Amino acid sequence: MKRPVQELREARGESRSDLAEALGVTLDEVTDWEQGRAQPGVARMRALTAHFDVRAALINLEPRSPPSIADRLGELL
C-alpha cells in the first residue's frame, strides 16, 4: 500500500526539519512534497527510499485531496 511522505515521516517520529536535515534538502522541499506541490527528482527519491527503507513504488506523492463532506460528517457524529 502506498504511503504519503508525511505518514512515513511521522511513523518514524520525525519532524519535517528532521527529514530535511537527514536528506540534505530544505524544509520547504519536504513541505512541498507532503502537500503535493512538488515531487522529488530522481536523486531525492533515491534518498527518500533509502531513508525510509521502502521501494519508490510504495511512496505516495499524489496531492492530498480534502476529505469529503461525508467523511467530515462521519468524524463529527
Protein backbone atom coordinates (compact mmCIF):
# COMPACT_ATOMS: atom_id res chain seq x y z
CA MET A 1 0.00 0.00 0.00
CA LYS A 2 1.33 3.44 -0.93
CA ARG A 3 2.01 5.79 1.96
CA PRO A 4 2.45 9.57 1.82
CA VAL A 5 5.80 11.06 2.81
CA GLN A 6 4.16 12.71 5.82
CA GLU A 7 2.84 9.39 7.10
CA LEU A 8 6.22 7.70 6.64
CA ARG A 9 7.94 10.58 8.41
CA GLU A 10 5.51 10.64 11.32
CA ALA A 11 5.76 6.86 11.75
CA ARG A 12 9.47 7.40 12.46
CA GLY A 13 8.73 10.22 14.89
CA GLU A 14 10.49 12.77 12.70
CA SER A 15 9.64 16.39 12.15
CA ARG A 16 9.81 17.93 8.70
CA SER A 17 13.02 19.61 9.80
CA ASP A 18 14.48 16.26 10.86
CA LEU A 19 13.71 14.74 7.46
CA ALA A 20 15.06 17.77 5.59
CA GLU A 21 18.30 17.60 7.55
CA ALA A 22 18.65 13.83 7.07
CA LEU A 23 18.22 14.18 3.31
CA GLY A 24 20.22 17.38 2.89
CA VAL A 25 17.26 19.29 1.47
CA THR A 26 15.36 22.37 2.57
CA LEU A 27 12.36 22.36 4.85
CA ASP A 28 10.38 23.94 2.01
CA GLU A 29 11.15 20.96 -0.25
CA VAL A 30 9.83 18.50 2.31
CA THR A 31 6.73 20.64 2.87
CA ASP A 32 6.10 20.84 -0.89
CA TRP A 33 6.38 17.03 -1.25
CA GLU A 34 3.99 16.45 1.62
CA GLN A 35 1.45 18.93 0.31
CA GLY A 36 1.66 17.71 -3.27
CA ARG A 37 3.03 20.96 -4.66
CA ALA A 38 6.23 19.31 -5.93
CA GLN A 39 7.74 15.91 -6.47
CA PRO A 40 11.31 14.92 -5.68
CA GLY A 41 13.71 14.37 -8.55
CA VAL A 42 15.47 11.05 -9.07
CA ALA A 43 18.30 11.73 -6.62
CA ARG A 44 15.91 12.96 -3.93
CA MET A 45 13.62 9.98 -4.49
CA ARG A 46 16.56 7.63 -4.01
CA ALA A 47 17.38 9.43 -0.77
CA LEU A 48 13.76 9.10 0.40
CA THR A 49 13.60 5.39 -0.39
CA ALA A 50 16.90 4.76 1.39
CA HIS A 51 15.86 6.85 4.39
CA PHE A 52 12.51 5.09 4.81
CA ASP A 53 13.81 1.72 3.58
CA VAL A 54 10.96 1.31 1.09
CA ARG A 55 10.67 0.96 -2.67
CA ALA A 56 9.78 4.09 -4.63
CA ALA A 57 6.52 2.46 -5.73
CA LEU A 58 5.41 2.48 -2.09
CA ILE A 59 5.75 6.25 -1.62
CA ASN A 60 2.60 8.18 -2.49
CA LEU A 61 3.42 11.60 -3.93
CA GLU A 62 -0.09 12.41 -5.11
CA PRO A 63 -1.59 15.65 -3.82
CA ARG A 64 -3.80 15.05 -0.85
CA SER A 65 -7.44 15.72 -1.55
CA PRO A 66 -9.55 17.35 1.11
CA PRO A 67 -11.87 15.00 2.98
CA SER A 68 -15.34 14.64 1.52
CA ILE A 69 -18.36 16.09 3.30
CA ALA A 70 -19.44 12.54 4.19
CA ASP A 71 -16.04 11.84 5.76
CA ARG A 72 -16.16 15.07 7.73
CA LEU A 73 -19.71 14.37 8.96
CA GLY A 74 -18.66 10.85 9.96
CA GLU A 75 -15.91 12.32 12.11
CA LEU A 76 -18.36 14.64 13.84
CA LEU A 77 -21.02 12.03 14.58
